[in-house]
Amino acid sequence: MTNTELPLPDYDAMSIGDLRSRIRSLDADQLLTVLTYEAGHAARVPVLEILEARQRELEGGAEPSPGNPMNAPSGQSSSGGSPVQESTAAEPNTPLRHGVAQQTPNRGLP
């Protein structure tokens, strides 16, 4: 089984927080598919614990949450990089050491 066959898109790139909320919409069969994939691939203990806990909830009568996990937004930003630009940067200066400007000789001078 490949990552693209899972009921959660971009499963391998999900954070634990994303995973915790997104598995709530899976039914028992879908959850078992994800659990089997995780156990056979990365076998991350915290992820397995979350998946197994949700499996116990479903076995105990919990219902999947409404919504389609395929439509959930990805947590990754496509823009990349920092939003800071030279035009928005602070003006270069030398910060005061102690006291006020008149007490700091040659402030800002080489």
PDB file of N, CA and C in Angstrom:
ATOM      1  N   MET A   1       0.843  -1.173   0.000  1.00  0.00           N
ATOM      2  CA  MET A   1       0.000   0.000   0.000  1.00  0.00           C
ATOM      3  C   MET A   1       0.893   1.243   0.000  1.00  0.00           C
ATOM      4  N   THR A   2       0.476   2.230  -0.763  1.00  0.00           N
ATOM      5  CA  THR A   2       1.230   3.474  -0.829  1.00  0.00           C
ATOM      6  C   THR A   2       0.493   4.578  -0.091  1.00  0.00           C
ATOM      7  N   ASN A   3       1.192   5.657   0.162  1.00  0.00           N
ATOM      8  CA  ASN A   3       0.636   6.805   0.861  1.00  0.00           C
ATOM      9  C   ASN A   3      -0.563   7.382   0.100  1.00  0.00           C
ATOM     10  N   THR A   4      -0.565   7.295  -1.227  1.00  0.00           N
ATOM     11  CA  THR A   4      -1.656   7.852  -2.028  1.00  0.00           C
ATOM     12  C   THR A   4      -2.937   7.032  -1.923  1.00  0.00           C
ATOM     13  N   GLU A   5      -2.869   5.804  -1.448  1.00  0.00           N
ATOM     14  CA  GLU A   5      -4.049   4.957  -1.304  1.00  0.00           C
ATOM     15  C   GLU A   5      -4.728   5.132   0.053  1.00  0.00           C
ATOM     16  N   LEU A   6      -4.149   5.932   0.918  1.00  0.00           N
ATOM     17  CA  LEU A   6      -4.711   6.137   2.248  1.00  0.00           C
ATOM     18  C   LEU A   6      -5.896   7.096   2.202  1.00  0.00           C
ATOM     19  N   PRO A   7      -6.821   6.984   3.164  1.00  0.00           N
ATOM     20  CA  PRO A   7      -7.978   7.881   3.191  1.00  0.00           C
ATOM     21  C   PRO A   7      -7.639   9.308   3.630  1.00  0.00           C
ATOM     22  N   LEU A   8      -6.404   9.556   4.028  1.00  0.00           N
ATOM     23  CA  LEU A   8      -5.961  10.893   4.426  1.00  0.00           C
ATOM     24  C   LEU A   8      -4.878  11.366   3.462  1.00  0.00           C
ATOM     25  N   PRO A   9      -5.146  12.427   2.698  1.00  0.00           N
ATOM     26  CA  PRO A   9      -4.105  12.901   1.782  1.00  0.00           C
ATOM     27  C   PRO A   9      -2.904  13.440   2.553  1.00  0.00           C
ATOM     28  N   ASP A  10      -1.739  13.253   2.008  1.00  0.00           N
ATOM     29  CA  ASP A  10      -0.483  13.727   2.616  1.00  0.00           C
ATOM     30  C   ASP A  10      -0.297  13.213   4.041  1.00  0.00           C
ATOM     31  N   TYR A  11      -0.684  11.987   4.284  1.00  0.00           N
ATOM     32  CA  TYR A  11      -0.612  11.405   5.627  1.00  0.00           C
ATOM     33  C   TYR A  11       0.795  11.489   6.217  1.00  0.00           C
ATOM     34  N   ASP A  12       1.801  11.145   5.429  1.00  0.00           N
ATOM     35  CA  ASP A  12       3.164  11.106   5.951  1.00  0.00           C
ATOM     36  C   ASP A  12       3.691  12.472   6.368  1.00  0.00           C
ATOM     37  N   ALA A  13       3.119  13.552   5.852  1.00  0.00           N
ATOM     38  CA  ALA A  13       3.572  14.901   6.174  1.00  0.00           C
ATOM     39  C   ALA A  13       2.759  15.554   7.291  1.00  0.00           C
ATOM     40  N   MET A  14       1.755  14.859   7.803  1.00  0.00           N
ATOM     41  CA  MET A  14       0.881  15.437   8.831  1.00  0.00           C
ATOM     42  C   MET A  14       1.556  15.515  10.188  1.00  0.00           C
ATOM     43  N   SER A  15       1.247  16.589  10.906  1.00  0.00           N
ATOM     44  CA  SER A  15       1.697  16.687  12.292  1.00  0.00           C
ATOM     45  C   SER A  15       0.763  15.846  13.151  1.00  0.00           C
ATOM     46  N   ILE A  16       1.169  15.576  14.361  1.00  0.00           N
ATOM     47  CA  ILE A  16       0.333  14.788  15.268  1.00  0.00           C
ATOM     48  C   ILE A  16      -0.985  15.514  15.550  1.00  0.00           C
ATOM     49  N   GLY A  17      -0.932  16.835  15.685  1.00  0.00           N
ATOM     50  CA  GLY A  17      -2.151  17.612  15.921  1.00  0.00           C
ATOM     51  C   GLY A  17      -3.121  17.502  14.763  1.00  0.00           C
ATOM     52  N   ASP A  18      -2.617  17.595  13.520  1.00  0.00           N
ATOM     53  CA  ASP A  18      -3.472  17.437  12.343  1.00  0.00           C
ATOM     54  C   ASP A  18      -4.063  16.032  12.302  1.00  0.00           C
ATOM     55  N   LEU A  19      -3.229  15.057  12.560  1.00  0.00           N
ATOM     56  CA  LEU A  19      -3.681  13.674  12.526  1.00  0.00           C
ATOM     57  C   LEU A  19      -4.790  13.436  13.540  1.00  0.00           C
ATOM     58  N   ARG A  20      -4.590  13.950  14.750  1.00  0.00           N
ATOM     59  CA  ARG A  20      -5.567  13.745  15.823  1.00  0.00           C
ATOM     60  C   ARG A  20      -6.948  14.258  15.412  1.00  0.00           C
ATOM     61  N   SER A  21      -7.006  15.413  14.763  1.00  0.00           N
ATOM     62  CA  SER A  21      -8.301  15.961  14.381  1.00  0.00           C
ATOM     63  C   SER A  21      -8.845  15.317  13.111  1.00  0.00           C
ATOM     64  N   ARG A  22      -7.981  14.953  12.185  1.00  0.00           N
ATOM     65  CA  ARG A  22      -8.455  14.429  10.901  1.00  0.00           C
ATOM     66  C   ARG A  22      -8.942  12.989  10.981  1.00  0.00           C
ATOM     67  N   ILE A  23      -8.414  12.188  11.915  1.00  0.00           N
ATOM     68  CA  ILE A  23      -8.871  10.793  11.994  1.00  0.00           C
ATOM     69  C   ILE A  23     -10.280  10.692  12.562  1.00  0.00           C
ATOM     70  N   ARG A  24     -10.785  11.753  13.149  1.00  0.00           N
ATOM     71  CA  ARG A  24     -12.117  11.706  13.750  1.00  0.00           C
ATOM     72  C   ARG A  24     -13.213  11.506  12.702  1.00  0.00           C
ATOM     73  N   SER A  25     -12.920  11.827  11.432  1.00  0.00           N
ATOM     74  CA  SER A  25     -13.927  11.662  10.382  1.00  0.00           C
ATOM     75  C   SER A  25     -13.830  10.297   9.694  1.00  0.00           C
ATOM     76  N   LEU A  26     -12.861   9.483  10.079  1.00  0.00           N
ATOM     77  CA  LEU A  26     -12.699   8.165   9.458  1.00  0.00           C
ATOM     78  C   LEU A  26     -13.602   7.139  10.112  1.00  0.00           C
ATOM     79  N   ASP A  27     -14.125   6.220   9.279  1.00  0.00           N
ATOM     80  CA  ASP A  27     -14.882   5.106   9.853  1.00  0.00           C
ATOM     81  C   ASP A  27     -13.883   4.024  10.276  1.00  0.00           C
ATOM     82  N   ALA A  28     -14.380   2.937  10.843  1.00  0.00           N
ATOM     83  CA  ALA A  28     -13.512   1.898  11.400  1.00  0.00           C
ATOM     84  C   ALA A  28     -12.605   1.271  10.340  1.00  0.00           C
ATOM     85  N   ASP A  29     -13.136   1.026   9.137  1.00  0.00           N
ATOM     86  CA  ASP A  29     -12.327   0.416   8.080  1.00  0.00           C
ATOM     87  C   ASP A  29     -11.218   1.356   7.602  1.00  0.00           C
ATOM     88  N   GLN A  30     -11.550   2.627   7.431  1.00  0.00           N
ATOM     89  CA  GLN A  30     -10.541   3.604   7.007  1.00  0.00           C
ATOM     90  C   GLN A  30      -9.453   3.752   8.067  1.00  0.00           C
ATOM     91  N   LEU A  31      -9.870   3.791   9.326  1.00  0.00           N
ATOM     92  CA  LEU A  31      -8.906   3.916  10.414  1.00  0.00           C
ATOM     93  C   LEU A  31      -7.982   2.696  10.466  1.00  0.00           C
ATOM     94  N   LEU A  32      -8.548   1.529  10.244  1.00  0.00           N
ATOM     95  CA  LEU A  32      -7.734   0.308  10.231  1.00  0.00           C
ATOM     96  C   LEU A  32      -6.708   0.354   9.094  1.00  0.00           C
ATOM     97  N   THR A  33      -7.095   0.908   7.957  1.00  0.00           N
ATOM     98  CA  THR A  33      -6.168   1.055   6.835  1.00  0.00           C
ATOM     99  C   THR A  33      -4.984   1.944   7.234  1.00  0.00           C
ATOM    100  N   VAL A  34      -5.275   3.072   7.883  1.00  0.00           N
ATOM    101  CA  VAL A  34      -4.221   3.995   8.312  1.00  0.00           C
ATOM    102  C   VAL A  34      -3.357   3.340   9.394  1.00  0.00           C
ATOM    103  N   LEU A  35      -3.989   2.656  10.327  1.00  0.00           N
ATOM    104  CA  LEU A  35      -3.262   1.993  11.415  1.00  0.00           C
ATOM    105  C   LEU A  35      -2.328   0.923  10.866  1.00  0.00           C
ATOM    106  N   THR A  36      -2.793   0.135   9.932  1.00  0.00           N
ATOM    107  CA  THR A  36      -1.970  -0.910   9.312  1.00  0.00           C
ATOM    108  C   THR A  36      -0.792  -0.297   8.556  1.00  0.00           C
ATOM    109  N   TYR A  37      -1.057   0.789   7.828  1.00  0.00           N
ATOM    110  CA  TYR A  37       0.010   1.473   7.096  1.00  0.00           C
ATOM    111  C   TYR A  37       1.066   1.994   8.063  1.00  0.00           C
ATOM    112  N   GLU A  38       0.630   2.666   9.127  1.00  0.00           N
ATOM    113  CA  GLU A  38       1.581   3.234  10.093  1.00  0.00           C
ATOM    114  C   GLU A  38       2.410   2.135  10.753  1.00  0.00           C
ATOM    115  N   ALA A  39       1.765   1.050  11.156  1.00  0.00           N
ATOM    116  CA  ALA A  39       2.480  -0.043  11.825  1.00  0.00           C
ATOM    117  C   ALA A  39       3.507  -0.680  10.894  1.00  0.00           C
ATOM    118  N   GLY A  40       3.224  -0.715   9.606  1.00  0.00           N
ATOM    119  CA  GLY A  40       4.123  -1.346   8.655  1.00  0.00           C
ATOM    120  C   GLY A  40       5.188  -0.433   8.088  1.00  0.00           C
ATOM    121  N   HIS A  41       5.078   0.861   8.340  1.00  0.00           N
ATOM    122  CA  HIS A  41       6.041   1.799   7.771  1.00  0.00           C
ATOM    123  C   HIS A  41       6.831   2.506   8.863  1.00  0.00           C
ATOM    124  N   ALA A  42       6.372   3.655   9.299  1.00  0.00           N
ATOM    125  CA  ALA A  42       7.145   4.440  10.268  1.00  0.00           C
ATOM    126  C   ALA A  42       7.038   3.878  11.683  1.00  0.00           C
ATOM    127  N   ALA A  43       5.900   3.314  12.034  1.00  0.00           N
ATOM    128  CA  ALA A  43       5.658   2.737  13.366  1.00  0.00           C
ATOM    129  C   ALA A  43       6.002   3.726  14.479  1.00  0.00           C
ATOM    130  N   ARG A  44       5.546   4.980  14.320  1.00  0.00           N
ATOM    131  CA  ARG A  44       5.778   6.005  15.333  1.00  0.00           C
ATOM    132  C   ARG A  44       4.866   5.745  16.517  1.00  0.00           C
ATOM    133  N   VAL A  45       5.438   5.555  17.682  1.00  0.00           N
ATOM    134  CA  VAL A  45       4.682   5.188  18.882  1.00  0.00           C
ATOM    135  C   VAL A  45       3.581   6.194  19.202  1.00  0.00           C
ATOM    136  N   PRO A  46       3.837   7.517  19.227  1.00  0.00           N
ATOM    137  CA  PRO A  46       2.748   8.445  19.549  1.00  0.00           C
ATOM    138  C   PRO A  46       1.602   8.372  18.539  1.00  0.00           C
ATOM    139  N   VAL A  47       1.926   8.167  17.267  1.00  0.00           N
ATOM    140  CA  VAL A  47       0.895   8.066  16.236  1.00  0.00           C
ATOM    141  C   VAL A  47       0.093   6.789  16.419  1.00  0.00           C
ATOM    142  N   LEU A  48       0.772   5.691  16.669  1.00  0.00           N
ATOM    143  CA  LEU A  48       0.069   4.425  16.902  1.00  0.00           C
ATOM    144  C   LEU A  48      -0.854   4.533  18.109  1.00  0.00           C
ATOM    145  N   GLU A  49      -0.408   5.217  19.159  1.00  0.00           N
ATOM    146  CA  GLU A  49      -1.245   5.381  20.348  1.00  0.00           C
ATOM    147  C   GLU A  49      -2.507   6.171  20.029  1.00  0.00           C
ATOM    148  N   ILE A  50      -2.384   7.224  19.226  1.00  0.00           N
ATOM    149  CA  ILE A  50      -3.547   8.029  18.849  1.00  0.00           C
ATOM    150  C   ILE A  50      -4.510   7.205  18.001  1.00  0.00           C
ATOM    151  N   LEU A  51      -3.977   6.480  17.031  1.00  0.00           N
ATOM    152  CA  LEU A  51      -4.822   5.666  16.155  1.00  0.00           C
ATOM    153  C   LEU A  51      -5.533   4.551  16.936  1.00  0.00           C
ATOM    154  N   GLU A  52      -4.794   3.902  17.839  1.00  0.00           N
ATOM    155  CA  GLU A  52      -5.397   2.825  18.624  1.00  0.00           C
ATOM    156  C   GLU A  52      -6.448   3.360  19.588  1.00  0.00           C
ATOM    157  N   ALA A  53      -6.222   4.540  20.150  1.00  0.00           N
ATOM    158  CA  ALA A  53      -7.219   5.144  21.042  1.00  0.00           C
ATOM    159  C   ALA A  53      -8.499   5.455  20.268  1.00  0.00           C
ATOM    160  N   ARG A  54      -8.355   5.983  19.056  1.00  0.00           N
ATOM    161  CA  ARG A  54      -9.540   6.279  18.238  1.00  0.00           C
ATOM    162  C   ARG A  54     -10.244   4.992  17.839  1.00  0.00           C
ATOM    163  N   GLN A  55      -9.481   3.943  17.583  1.00  0.00           N
ATOM    164  CA  GLN A  55     -10.085   2.652  17.246  1.00  0.00           C
ATOM    165  C   GLN A  55     -10.929   2.138  18.414  1.00  0.00           C
ATOM    166  N   ARG A  56     -10.423   2.284  19.645  1.00  0.00           N
ATOM    167  CA  ARG A  56     -11.191   1.863  20.819  1.00  0.00           C
ATOM    168  C   ARG A  56     -12.470   2.698  20.969  1.00  0.00           C
ATOM    169  N   GLU A  57     -12.377   4.000  20.661  1.00  0.00           N
ATOM    170  CA  GLU A  57     -13.564   4.854  20.730  1.00  0.00           C
ATOM    171  C   GLU A  57     -14.624   4.385  19.740  1.00  0.00           C
ATOM    172  N   LEU A  58     -14.202   4.062  18.521  1.00  0.00           N
ATOM    173  CA  LEU A  58     -15.154   3.588  17.513  1.00  0.00           C
ATOM    174  C   LEU A  58     -15.753   2.240  17.911  1.00  0.00           C
ATOM    175  N   GLU A  59     -14.937   1.358  18.479  1.00  0.00           N
ATOM    176  CA  GLU A  59     -15.446   0.062  18.937  1.00  0.00           C
ATOM    177  C   GLU A  59     -16.415   0.235  20.095  1.00  0.00           C
ATOM    178  N   GLY A  60     -16.245   1.310  20.868  1.00  0.00           N
ATOM    179  CA  GLY A  60     -17.119   1.597  21.997  1.00  0.00           C
ATOM    180  C   GLY A  60     -18.400   2.303  21.603  1.00  0.00           C
ATOM    181  N   GLY A  61     -18.591   2.553  20.305  1.00  0.00           N
ATOM    182  CA  GLY A  61     -19.842   3.154  19.854  1.00  0.00           C
ATOM    183  C   GLY A  61     -19.733   4.577  19.345  1.00  0.00           C
ATOM    184  N   ALA A  62     -18.556   5.152  19.344  1.00  0.00           N
ATOM    185  CA  ALA A  62     -18.395   6.514  18.825  1.00  0.00           C
ATOM    186  C   ALA A  62     -18.659   6.514  17.323  1.00  0.00           C
ATOM    187  N   GLU A  63     -19.178   7.618  16.844  1.00  0.00           N
ATOM    188  CA  GLU A  63     -19.464   7.774  15.424  1.00  0.00           C
ATOM    189  C   GLU A  63     -18.412   8.690  14.804  1.00  0.00           C
ATOM    190  N   PRO A  64     -18.066   8.446  13.534  1.00  0.00           N
ATOM    191  CA  PRO A  64     -17.150   9.376  12.856  1.00  0.00           C
ATOM    192  C   PRO A  64     -17.771  10.768  12.775  1.00  0.00           C
ATOM    193  N   SER A  65     -16.953  11.770  12.870  1.00  0.00           N
ATOM    194  CA  SER A  65     -17.412  13.149  12.745  1.00  0.00           C
ATOM    195  C   SER A  65     -17.805  13.415  11.304  1.00  0.00           C
ATOM    196  N   PRO A  66     -18.744  14.336  11.081  1.00  0.00           N
ATOM    197  CA  PRO A  66     -19.089  14.658   9.692  1.00  0.00           C
ATOM    198  C   PRO A  66     -17.927  15.366   9.006  1.00  0.00           C
ATOM    199  N   GLY A  67     -17.894  15.258   7.717  1.00  0.00           N
ATOM    200  CA  GLY A  67     -16.829  15.900   6.948  1.00  0.00           C
ATOM    201  C   GLY A  67     -16.039  14.869   6.184  1.00  0.00           C
ATOM    202  N   ASN A  68     -15.357  15.348   5.193  1.00  0.00           N
ATOM    203  CA  ASN A  68     -14.566  14.484   4.334  1.00  0.00           C
ATOM    204  C   ASN A  68     -13.096  14.790   4.570  1.00  0.00           C
ATOM    205  N   PRO A  69     -12.303  13.824   5.064  1.00  0.00           N
ATOM    206  CA  PRO A  69     -10.883  14.089   5.326  1.00  0.00           C
ATOM    207  C   PRO A  69     -10.099  14.427   4.064  1.00  0.00           C
ATOM    208  N   MET A  70     -10.625  14.082   2.894  1.00  0.00           N
ATOM    209  CA  MET A  70      -9.943  14.400   1.639  1.00  0.00           C
ATOM    210  C   MET A  70      -9.998  15.899   1.346  1.00  0.00           C
ATOM    211  N   ASN A  71     -10.984  16.602   1.916  1.00  0.00           N
ATOM    212  CA  ASN A  71     -11.147  18.030   1.664  1.00  0.00           C
ATOM    213  C   ASN A  71     -10.416  18.904   2.671  1.00  0.00           C
ATOM    214  N   ALA A  72      -9.826  18.306   3.675  1.00  0.00           N
ATOM    215  CA  ALA A  72      -9.166  19.090   4.722  1.00  0.00           C
ATOM    216  C   ALA A  72      -7.949  19.801   4.153  1.00  0.00           C
ATOM    217  N   PRO A  73      -7.720  21.046   4.579  1.00  0.00           N
ATOM    218  CA  PRO A  73      -6.555  21.768   4.073  1.00  0.00           C
ATOM    219  C   PRO A  73      -5.266  21.196   4.624  1.00  0.00           C
ATOM    220  N   SER A  74      -4.243  21.310   3.850  1.00  0.00           N
ATOM    221  CA  SER A  74      -2.924  20.866   4.284  1.00  0.00           C
ATOM    222  C   SER A  74      -2.336  21.901   5.218  1.00  0.00           C
ATOM    223  N   GLY A  75      -1.539  21.475   6.179  1.00  0.00           N
ATOM    224  CA  GLY A  75      -0.915  22.393   7.113  1.00  0.00           C
ATOM    225  C   GLY A  75       0.312  23.069   6.543  1.00  0.00           C
ATOM    226  N   GLN A  76       0.661  22.748   5.311  1.00  0.00           N
ATOM    227  CA  GLN A  76       1.870  23.305   4.726  1.00  0.00           C
ATOM    228  C   GLN A  76       1.533  24.558   3.923  1.00  0.00           C
ATOM    229  N   SER A  77       2.383  25.522   4.001  1.00  0.00           N
ATOM    230  CA  SER A  77       2.228  26.759   3.252  1.00  0.00           C
ATOM    231  C   SER A  77       2.973  26.637   1.934  1.00  0.00           C
ATOM    232  N   SER A  78       2.355  27.071   0.856  1.00  0.00           N
ATOM    233  CA  SER A  78       2.992  26.951  -0.440  1.00  0.00           C
ATOM    234  C   SER A  78       3.864  28.156  -0.784  1.00  0.00           C
ATOM    235  N   SER A  79       3.693  29.268  -0.052  1.00  0.00           N
ATOM    236  CA  SER A  79       4.454  30.465  -0.390  1.00  0.00           C
ATOM    237  C   SER A  79       5.931  30.318  -0.029  1.00  0.00           C
ATOM    238  N   GLY A  80       6.229  29.694   1.092  1.00  0.00           N
ATOM    239  CA  GLY A  80       7.601  29.473   1.508  1.00  0.00           C
ATOM    240  C   GLY A  80       8.320  30.768   1.835  1.00  0.00           C
ATOM    241  N   GLY A  81       9.373  30.668   2.570  1.00  0.00           N
ATOM    242  CA  GLY A  81      10.169  31.831   2.906  1.00  0.00           C
ATOM    243  C   GLY A  81       9.537  32.705   3.972  1.00  0.00           C
ATOM    244  N   SER A  82      10.238  33.735   4.328  1.00  0.00           N
ATOM    245  CA  SER A  82       9.793  34.652   5.364  1.00  0.00           C
ATOM    246  C   SER A  82       9.003  35.800   4.755  1.00  0.00           C
ATOM    247  N   PRO A  83       7.943  36.274   5.446  1.00  0.00           N
ATOM    248  CA  PRO A  83       7.203  37.420   4.932  1.00  0.00           C
ATOM    249  C   PRO A  83       7.948  38.739   5.149  1.00  0.00           C
ATOM    250  N   VAL A  84       9.071  38.709   5.843  1.00  0.00           N
ATOM    251  CA  VAL A  84       9.843  39.916   6.109  1.00  0.00           C
ATOM    252  C   VAL A  84      10.527  40.363   4.821  1.00  0.00           C
ATOM    253  N   GLN A  85      10.442  41.645   4.550  1.00  0.00           N
ATOM    254  CA  GLN A  85      11.078  42.217   3.375  1.00  0.00           C
ATOM    255  C   GLN A  85      11.962  43.372   3.807  1.00  0.00           C
ATOM    256  N   GLU A  86      12.854  43.770   2.953  1.00  0.00           N
ATOM    257  CA  GLU A  86      13.735  44.880   3.284  1.00  0.00           C
ATOM    258  C   GLU A  86      12.927  46.148   3.532  1.00  0.00           C
ATOM    259  N   SER A  87      11.832  46.309   2.803  1.00  0.00           N
ATOM    260  CA  SER A  87      11.023  47.513   2.950  1.00  0.00           C
ATOM    261  C   SER A  87      10.284  47.555   4.295  1.00  0.00           C
ATOM    262  N   THR A  88      10.094  46.412   4.923  1.00  0.00           N
ATOM    263  CA  THR A  88       9.380  46.384   6.207  1.00  0.00           C
ATOM    264  C   THR A  88      10.313  46.212   7.400  1.00  0.00           C
ATOM    265  N   ALA A  89      11.603  46.105   7.135  1.00  0.00           N
ATOM    266  CA  ALA A  89      12.565  45.902   8.220  1.00  0.00           C
ATOM    267  C   ALA A  89      12.761  47.188   9.020  1.00  0.00           C
ATOM    268  N   ALA A  90      13.146  47.039  10.261  1.00  0.00           N
ATOM    269  CA  ALA A  90      13.431  48.197  11.114  1.00  0.00           C
ATOM    270  C   ALA A  90      14.684  48.896  10.623  1.00  0.00           C
ATOM    271  N   GLU A  91      14.751  50.189  10.916  1.00  0.00           N
ATOM    272  CA  GLU A  91      15.932  50.943  10.527  1.00  0.00           C
ATOM    273  C   GLU A  91      17.120  50.487  11.367  1.00  0.00           C
ATOM    274  N   PRO A  92      18.290  50.367  10.753  1.00  0.00           N
ATOM    275  CA  PRO A  92      19.466  49.940  11.521  1.00  0.00           C
ATOM    276  C   PRO A  92      19.882  51.036  12.501  1.00  0.00           C
ATOM    277  N   ASN A  93      20.157  50.640  13.704  1.00  0.00           N
ATOM    278  CA  ASN A  93      20.660  51.571  14.710  1.00  0.00           C
ATOM    279  C   ASN A  93      21.360  50.781  15.805  1.00  0.00           C
ATOM    280  N   THR A  94      22.051  51.491  16.622  1.00  0.00           N
ATOM    281  CA  THR A  94      22.724  50.867  17.744  1.00  0.00           C
ATOM    282  C   THR A  94      21.852  51.091  18.984  1.00  0.00           C
ATOM    283  N   PRO A  95      21.424  50.041  19.655  1.00  0.00           N
ATOM    284  CA  PRO A  95      20.568  50.231  20.822  1.00  0.00           C
ATOM    285  C   PRO A  95      21.323  50.909  21.967  1.00  0.00           C
ATOM    286  N   LEU A  96      20.598  51.570  22.817  1.00  0.00           N
ATOM    287  CA  LEU A  96      21.198  52.204  23.989  1.00  0.00           C
ATOM    288  C   LEU A  96      21.762  51.136  24.904  1.00  0.00           C
ATOM    289  N   ARG A  97      22.895  51.423  25.495  1.00  0.00           N
ATOM    290  CA  ARG A  97      23.483  50.464  26.420  1.00  0.00           C
ATOM    291  C   ARG A  97      22.815  50.591  27.779  1.00  0.00           C
ATOM    292  N   HIS A  98      22.874  51.728  28.396  1.00  0.00           N
ATOM    293  CA  HIS A  98      22.253  51.983  29.692  1.00  0.00           C
ATOM    294  C   HIS A  98      21.884  53.454  29.735  1.00  0.00           C
ATOM    295  N   GLY A  99      20.797  53.772  30.326  1.00  0.00           N
ATOM    296  CA  GLY A  99      20.435  55.171  30.488  1.00  0.00           C
ATOM    297  C   GLY A  99      19.789  55.746  29.248  1.00  0.00           C
ATOM    298  N   VAL A 100      19.999  57.027  29.007  1.00  0.00           N
ATOM    299  CA  VAL A 100      19.402  57.723  27.879  1.00  0.00           C
ATOM    300  C   VAL A 100      20.479  58.143  26.894  1.00  0.00           C
ATOM    301  N   ALA A 101      20.047  58.674  25.750  1.00  0.00           N
ATOM    302  CA  ALA A 101      20.970  58.966  24.660  1.00  0.00           C
ATOM    303  C   ALA A 101      22.088  59.907  25.056  1.00  0.00           C
ATOM    304  N   GLN A 102      21.809  60.936  25.846  1.00  0.00           N
ATOM    305  CA  GLN A 102      22.844  61.871  26.205  1.00  0.00           C
ATOM    306  C   GLN A 102      23.921  61.243  27.098  1.00  0.00           C
ATOM    307  N   GLN A 103      23.623  60.159  27.725  1.00  0.00           N
ATOM    308  CA  GLN A 103      24.592  59.493  28.608  1.00  0.00           C
ATOM    309  C   GLN A 103      25.413  58.439  27.857  1.00  0.00           C
ATOM    310  N   THR A 104      25.086  58.199  26.618  1.00  0.00           N
ATOM    311  CA  THR A 104      25.803  57.184  25.851  1.00  0.00           C
ATOM    312  C   THR A 104      26.604  57.896  24.772  1.00  0.00           C
ATOM    313  N   PRO A 105      27.898  58.145  24.993  1.00  0.00           N
ATOM    314  CA  PRO A 105      28.703  58.875  24.018  1.00  0.00           C
ATOM    315  C   PRO A 105      28.878  58.094  22.723  1.00  0.00           C
ATOM    316  N   ASN A 106      28.951  58.839  21.636  1.00  0.00           N
ATOM    317  CA  ASN A 106      29.215  58.291  20.309  1.00  0.00           C
ATOM    318  C   ASN A 106      28.210  57.220  19.869  1.00  0.00           C
ATOM    319  N   ARG A 107      26.979  57.349  20.296  1.00  0.00           N
ATOM    320  CA  ARG A 107      25.946  56.374  19.933  1.00  0.00           C
ATOM    321  C   ARG A 107      25.748  56.380  18.424  1.00  0.00           C
ATOM    322  N   GLY A 108      25.856  55.238  17.809  1.00  0.00           N
ATOM    323  CA  GLY A 108      25.629  55.097  16.386  1.00  0.00           C
ATOM    324  C   GLY A 108      26.809  55.487  15.524  1.00  0.00           C
ATOM    325  N   LEU A 109      27.892  55.914  16.133  1.00  0.00           N
ATOM    326  CA  LEU A 109      29.069  56.299  15.353  1.00  0.00           C
ATOM    327  C   LEU A 109      30.101  55.179  15.407  1.00  0.00           C
ATOM    328  N   PRO A 110      30.862  55.011  14.341  1.00  0.00           N
ATOM    329  CA  PRO A 110      31.875  53.939  14.331  1.00  0.00           C
ATOM    330  C   PRO A 110      33.008  54.188  15.292  1.00  0.00           C
TER     331      PRO A 110
END
